[in-house]
Structures are given as C-alpha cells and as structure tokens.
Amino acid sequence: MPYADHPDGSVHYEVEGTGPGLALVHGVGGSAEGAFGTVVKALARDRTVVRPNLSGSGGTTDGGGPLSLTQLAEQTVSAIDDAVDGPVDLLGFSLGGAVAATVAANHPGLVNRLILVGSWAYPDPRHRFYFETWAKLLSADLDLFRRFTTLTGFSPTAVNGWGHEGLAASLDNHAWPEPGISRQIEVALGIDIRGLLPSITAPTAVIGFSQDEMIPVEGSQQLHAGIPGSTLTEIEGQGHMDWIGDPDQMIALIRGILS
C-alpha cells in the first residue's frame, strides 16, 4: 500500500505491472480499486499501472477543508512521480477526467497521451442541479442516494441485467461511496477548465456514452471541442458506469488508443 508525499499530506496509490507508465484517475465517490479493479489486470500486462486515490478516497490524507481541482491534480502528479519514471499515458474517468486534463495542461512534459472518459469541461444548469441533488440525497438518506446513483449511473439494460438480487446486492455495497465523497462533490460543482483546454498538447482521445444520465455525452463534446486535435468516440447504448461491470469493450478501446 504505497504512499507518496505531497505538500498537504500523502497520496495512497496502487501500482501493478511492468512497462511504460499508465496512470488511471477515478471519479467522485470512487477509488483506485472501485473504478478500475475490473480493468487493471488487462492493462497491466504490458504497462506499469498507477492508480492514485484522490482526497476523500482510500488512505489519502490532506490538510482538511475544501478541496480544489488543482490540489487533486497535484496529488496525481505526486503519485506518478513516486511510482514510475515519466512521462506516462494518463486516463481520467468522470471527475478524474477533469483532474487528468488539468495535469496535462499544467505538466505537459509528464503526459504522453491523454484519455478522458465520461467527463466534462464546465457545468451547465442541469449538471449543477444533478450534483446538488446528489449532495442533498447523500446527507438525507444513503439508501436513496445509492438508488438514485444506480438509476442514473447505469443504462436501463445494465440495471435490468442485474435482476432483483443484483440490485439488492448493489444497495448493500458498503464499499461505496468513499467516506470523503461530499468533498469531491463540491469540487465537481465548481469545475470549469475551458481556459486550460487549448494549452493541452498531448494527443487526446475523448470517450463519451450515449445513455449517460450522470455526465451526459455533451460533456465529452465540450472537451473535444476545446482540446486541439482531440478525437471523440461516443459509445452507443451505455451509461456512465456500465463499463465497470462489463469492461471488455473499454479495455479493447483503451489498448487500441495506447498502441
């Protein structure tokens, strides 16, 4: 369970495999294992895969108080520097996409290629309304929060595929959300990286999901429009987190981009 020092505390991260560096950054309420546990073995076959836990997740510590996007980006940099000799390929999912884009803009020499999955560049009214609702449900009733997240985080096909027993098990998953999710929600509410996107020089692949009700595909379109030379892939019929439970398509897509 390695830790990397940073100015406000220490970053807990996971590292597997050998080969060129690949860093994976999770989203709100997730963790290194929760977001990427189903893909890490396949990616670590020929890569050194670094998975930092952002503040609020895993064993990462900081000085307390409100978090900032820059703070989370620098935690990611600390974990990468501690685990591998850069530069690395960098993938960010959801909130992690905004974190990864910030790293690429502020540390261009650290990032070979950038992959942004189910993320966004700036909030619109619906985005703010969604995360404000998340915060209210989280403080009021954790069961309702988990139900709402399941219904908006996965496609109807995925949810129906679990059946009643699978849905009951998902509601009983005490490993999610991570304890510091409320602080991460506050970061998500304030993200606006439009000013950083034009300065990203790493070749960038943006991936969005057509049935994403958590971070609608328009967020990926924002990133693609703002990052010079980026590509955009929209995966049909999938919700925000479908790939976590059924990762084969995402693994093939990521490996194709990296090769």
Protein backbone atom coordinates (compact mmCIF):
# COMPACT_ATOMS: atom_id res chain seq x y z
CA MET A 1 0.00 0.00 0.00
CA PRO A 2 2.44 2.73 -1.20
CA TYR A 3 2.11 6.39 -0.31
CA ALA A 4 3.56 9.47 -1.98
CA ASP A 5 4.19 12.71 -0.13
CA HIS A 6 2.60 15.93 -1.31
CA PRO A 7 2.53 19.39 0.33
CA ASP A 8 -0.74 18.79 2.20
CA GLY A 9 -0.28 15.14 3.25
CA SER A 10 0.22 11.82 1.47
CA VAL A 11 -1.37 10.12 -1.54
CA HIS A 12 -2.32 6.48 -1.24
CA TYR A 13 -1.96 4.73 -4.59
CA GLU A 14 -1.87 1.27 -6.14
CA VAL A 15 0.72 0.13 -8.69
CA GLU A 16 0.79 -3.06 -10.79
CA GLY A 17 2.61 -4.42 -13.80
CA THR A 18 5.78 -3.51 -15.66
CA GLY A 19 6.45 -1.43 -18.73
CA PRO A 20 5.65 2.16 -19.74
CA GLY A 21 3.64 4.11 -17.20
CA LEU A 22 -0.13 4.39 -17.36
CA ALA A 23 -1.98 6.38 -14.67
CA LEU A 24 -5.72 5.96 -14.03
CA VAL A 25 -7.68 8.62 -12.11
CA HIS A 26 -11.10 7.84 -10.59
CA GLY A 27 -14.24 9.93 -10.23
CA VAL A 28 -16.49 11.26 -7.45
CA GLY A 29 -17.05 8.76 -4.66
CA GLY A 30 -14.88 6.17 -6.37
CA SER A 31 -11.45 4.82 -5.63
CA ALA A 32 -8.45 3.28 -7.33
CA GLU A 33 -9.94 -0.19 -6.88
CA GLY A 34 -13.64 0.62 -7.21
CA ALA A 35 -13.29 2.38 -10.55
CA PHE A 36 -10.53 0.34 -12.17
CA GLY A 37 -10.45 -3.02 -10.43
CA THR A 38 -12.05 -4.75 -13.41
CA VAL A 39 -9.59 -3.38 -16.00
CA VAL A 40 -6.26 -3.21 -14.22
CA LYS A 41 -5.11 -6.79 -14.85
CA ALA A 42 -5.64 -6.49 -18.59
CA LEU A 43 -3.89 -3.11 -18.77
CA ALA A 44 -1.01 -4.17 -16.50
CA ARG A 45 0.05 -6.98 -18.83
CA ASP A 46 2.45 -4.60 -20.55
CA ARG A 47 2.16 -1.41 -18.51
CA THR A 48 3.08 -0.12 -15.08
CA VAL A 49 -0.39 0.96 -13.99
CA VAL A 50 -0.56 3.65 -11.27
CA ARG A 51 -3.94 4.29 -9.61
CA PRO A 52 -3.97 7.19 -7.13
CA ASN A 53 -6.76 7.65 -4.61
CA LEU A 54 -7.83 11.28 -4.62
CA SER A 55 -8.53 13.06 -1.33
CA GLY A 56 -11.65 11.58 0.22
CA SER A 57 -10.87 8.09 -1.09
CA GLY A 58 -8.62 5.30 0.14
CA GLY A 59 -5.93 6.28 2.59
CA THR A 60 -5.01 9.63 1.04
CA THR A 61 -4.65 12.45 3.55
CA ASP A 62 -4.59 16.23 3.27
CA GLY A 63 -4.92 19.27 5.48
CA GLY A 64 -8.72 19.12 5.60
CA GLY A 65 -11.12 21.75 4.40
CA PRO A 66 -12.45 22.31 0.88
CA LEU A 67 -10.67 20.56 -1.97
CA SER A 68 -9.65 22.13 -5.26
CA LEU A 69 -9.15 20.68 -8.71
CA THR A 70 -5.54 21.86 -8.70
CA GLN A 71 -4.97 20.06 -5.40
CA LEU A 72 -6.30 16.79 -6.83
CA ALA A 73 -4.17 17.23 -9.95
CA GLU A 74 -1.03 17.72 -7.87
CA GLN A 75 -1.86 14.61 -5.83
CA THR A 76 -2.00 12.69 -9.11
CA VAL A 77 1.37 14.11 -10.14
CA SER A 78 2.89 13.11 -6.79
CA ALA A 79 1.71 9.51 -7.15
CA ILE A 80 3.03 9.28 -10.73
CA ASP A 81 6.41 10.74 -9.78
CA ASP A 82 6.71 8.36 -6.84
CA ALA A 83 5.74 5.22 -8.77
CA VAL A 84 7.34 5.50 -12.22
CA ASP A 85 9.78 7.44 -14.33
CA GLY A 86 7.66 9.67 -16.53
CA PRO A 87 6.28 10.60 -18.90
CA VAL A 88 3.13 8.46 -18.70
CA ASP A 89 -0.10 7.91 -20.55
CA LEU A 90 -2.92 9.33 -18.41
CA LEU A 91 -6.58 8.28 -18.26
CA GLY A 92 -9.20 10.09 -16.22
CA PHE A 93 -12.76 8.95 -15.63
CA SER A 94 -15.57 11.38 -14.75
CA LEU A 95 -14.15 13.88 -12.21
CA GLY A 96 -10.83 12.15 -12.88
CA GLY A 97 -11.07 13.38 -16.47
CA ALA A 98 -11.02 17.00 -15.34
CA VAL A 99 -8.15 16.14 -12.99
CA ALA A 100 -6.21 14.45 -15.79
CA ALA A 101 -6.82 17.35 -18.19
CA THR A 102 -5.51 19.75 -15.54
CA VAL A 103 -2.37 17.63 -15.13
CA ALA A 104 -1.83 17.58 -18.90
CA ALA A 105 -2.25 21.35 -19.17
CA ASN A 106 -0.03 22.21 -16.19
CA HIS A 107 2.60 19.47 -16.63
CA PRO A 108 2.88 18.90 -20.39
CA GLY A 109 6.19 17.05 -20.06
CA LEU A 110 4.59 14.41 -17.84
CA VAL A 111 1.86 13.22 -20.23
CA ASN A 112 2.45 11.23 -23.43
CA ARG A 113 -1.19 10.57 -24.30
CA LEU A 114 -4.40 11.64 -22.60
CA ILE A 115 -7.68 9.68 -22.43
CA LEU A 116 -10.77 11.35 -20.95
CA VAL A 117 -13.72 9.05 -20.23
CA GLY A 118 -17.22 10.26 -19.35
CA SER A 119 -16.02 13.68 -18.24
CA TRP A 120 -16.81 17.36 -18.82
CA ALA A 121 -15.22 20.80 -19.12
CA TYR A 122 -17.69 23.16 -17.45
CA PRO A 123 -21.03 23.00 -15.64
CA ASP A 124 -24.37 23.73 -17.24
CA PRO A 125 -27.58 24.20 -15.19
CA ARG A 126 -28.50 20.52 -15.41
CA HIS A 127 -25.03 19.49 -14.21
CA ARG A 128 -25.23 21.73 -11.14
CA PHE A 129 -28.77 20.55 -10.40
CA TYR A 130 -27.63 16.92 -10.59
CA PHE A 131 -24.71 17.27 -8.19
CA GLU A 132 -26.70 19.47 -5.81
CA THR A 133 -29.33 16.69 -5.73
CA TRP A 134 -26.56 14.16 -5.06
CA ALA A 135 -25.36 16.22 -2.11
CA LYS A 136 -28.86 16.53 -0.65
CA LEU A 137 -29.59 12.80 -1.00
CA LEU A 138 -26.22 11.90 0.50
CA SER A 139 -26.92 13.99 3.60
CA ALA A 140 -30.53 12.83 3.91
CA ASP A 141 -30.63 9.11 3.14
CA LEU A 142 -27.75 6.92 1.95
CA ASP A 143 -30.13 4.26 0.62
CA LEU A 144 -31.93 6.80 -1.56
CA PHE A 145 -28.56 8.15 -2.70
CA ARG A 146 -27.47 4.68 -3.82
CA ARG A 147 -30.79 4.08 -5.59
CA PHE A 148 -30.60 7.38 -7.46
CA THR A 149 -26.98 6.75 -8.41
CA THR A 150 -27.77 3.28 -9.73
CA LEU A 151 -30.65 4.58 -11.86
CA THR A 152 -28.63 7.44 -13.33
CA GLY A 153 -25.18 5.85 -13.39
CA PHE A 154 -26.08 2.74 -15.40
CA SER A 155 -28.14 2.20 -18.53
CA PRO A 156 -31.58 0.53 -18.24
CA THR A 157 -30.15 -2.53 -19.99
CA ALA A 158 -27.40 -2.89 -17.40
CA VAL A 159 -29.74 -2.41 -14.43
CA ASN A 160 -32.28 -4.90 -15.77
CA GLY A 161 -29.48 -7.37 -16.36
CA TRP A 162 -28.65 -7.46 -12.67
CA GLY A 163 -32.08 -8.73 -11.69
CA HIS A 164 -33.65 -8.19 -8.27
CA GLU A 165 -30.87 -9.99 -6.39
CA GLY A 166 -28.16 -7.99 -8.13
CA LEU A 167 -29.91 -4.73 -7.35
CA ALA A 168 -30.29 -5.70 -3.71
CA ALA A 169 -26.58 -6.53 -3.55
CA SER A 170 -25.66 -3.16 -5.08
CA LEU A 171 -27.64 -1.34 -2.39
CA ASP A 172 -25.79 -3.35 0.26
CA ASN A 173 -22.36 -2.40 -1.10
CA HIS A 174 -20.78 -0.66 1.88
CA ALA A 175 -17.52 -0.10 -0.03
CA TRP A 176 -19.25 2.68 -1.99
CA PRO A 177 -19.33 5.60 -1.78
CA GLU A 178 -15.98 6.51 -0.27
CA PRO A 179 -16.17 8.46 3.02
CA GLY A 180 -14.96 11.75 1.52
CA ILE A 181 -17.44 11.88 -1.34
CA SER A 182 -19.10 15.09 -0.14
CA ARG A 183 -15.82 17.00 -0.54
CA GLN A 184 -15.38 15.57 -4.04
CA ILE A 185 -18.93 16.62 -4.97
CA GLU A 186 -18.02 20.20 -4.06
CA VAL A 187 -15.08 20.04 -6.48
CA ALA A 188 -17.32 18.64 -9.22
CA LEU A 189 -19.78 21.50 -8.75
CA GLY A 190 -17.10 24.13 -9.40
CA ILE A 191 -15.16 22.68 -12.33
CA ASP A 192 -14.58 24.96 -15.30
CA ILE A 193 -11.43 24.08 -17.26
CA ARG A 194 -12.28 25.83 -20.53
CA GLY A 195 -9.25 28.09 -20.10
CA LEU A 196 -6.88 25.13 -19.75
CA LEU A 197 -8.03 23.03 -22.68
CA PRO A 198 -6.33 24.96 -25.52
CA SER A 199 -2.94 24.50 -23.82
CA ILE A 200 -3.13 20.68 -23.78
CA THR A 201 -0.53 19.40 -26.25
CA ALA A 202 -0.69 15.65 -25.56
CA PRO A 203 -2.60 13.63 -28.17
CA THR A 204 -6.04 13.30 -26.60
CA ALA A 205 -8.82 10.74 -27.03
CA VAL A 206 -12.21 11.66 -25.54
CA ILE A 207 -14.76 8.90 -24.85
CA GLY A 208 -18.43 9.52 -24.03
CA PHE A 209 -21.53 7.37 -23.56
CA SER A 210 -24.79 7.90 -25.43
CA GLN A 211 -27.02 6.88 -22.49
CA ASP A 212 -25.04 8.65 -19.78
CA GLU A 213 -27.54 10.37 -17.47
CA MET A 214 -24.92 11.19 -14.85
CA ILE A 215 -22.48 13.07 -17.09
CA PRO A 216 -24.31 13.39 -20.42
CA VAL A 217 -22.30 12.93 -23.61
CA GLU A 218 -22.38 16.70 -24.15
CA GLY A 219 -19.64 16.90 -21.51
CA SER A 220 -17.35 14.82 -23.71
CA GLN A 221 -18.29 17.01 -26.65
CA GLN A 222 -17.21 20.06 -24.62
CA LEU A 223 -13.77 18.53 -24.06
CA HIS A 224 -13.38 17.50 -27.68
CA ALA A 225 -14.30 20.99 -28.87
CA GLY A 226 -11.80 22.61 -26.52
CA ILE A 227 -8.73 20.38 -26.94
CA PRO A 228 -6.87 20.94 -30.20
CA GLY A 229 -6.55 17.82 -32.35
CA SER A 230 -8.51 15.59 -29.99
CA THR A 231 -10.65 12.68 -31.15
CA LEU A 232 -14.13 11.83 -29.86
CA THR A 233 -15.64 8.35 -29.57
CA GLU A 234 -19.28 8.07 -28.47
CA ILE A 235 -20.18 4.57 -27.28
CA GLU A 236 -23.77 3.76 -28.09
CA GLY A 237 -26.19 2.22 -25.60
CA GLN A 238 -24.03 2.60 -22.49
CA GLY A 239 -24.44 4.56 -19.28
CA HIS A 240 -21.77 6.26 -17.21
CA MET A 241 -20.61 3.19 -15.30
CA ASP A 242 -21.70 0.24 -17.48
CA TRP A 243 -18.09 -0.42 -18.46
CA ILE A 244 -17.05 -1.09 -14.85
CA GLY A 245 -19.23 -4.19 -14.73
CA ASP A 246 -18.65 -5.19 -18.37
CA PRO A 247 -15.16 -3.90 -19.19
CA ASP A 248 -14.16 -5.82 -22.34
CA GLN A 249 -15.13 -3.11 -24.84
CA MET A 250 -13.44 -0.40 -22.81
CA ILE A 251 -10.28 -2.47 -22.38
CA ALA A 252 -10.06 -3.04 -26.14
CA LEU A 253 -10.67 0.65 -26.83
CA ILE A 254 -8.03 1.82 -24.34
CA ARG A 255 -5.45 -0.67 -25.58
CA GLY A 256 -6.14 0.41 -29.15
CA ILE A 257 -5.59 4.06 -28.27
CA LEU A 258 -2.39 3.30 -26.39
CA SER A 259 -0.97 1.20 -29.22
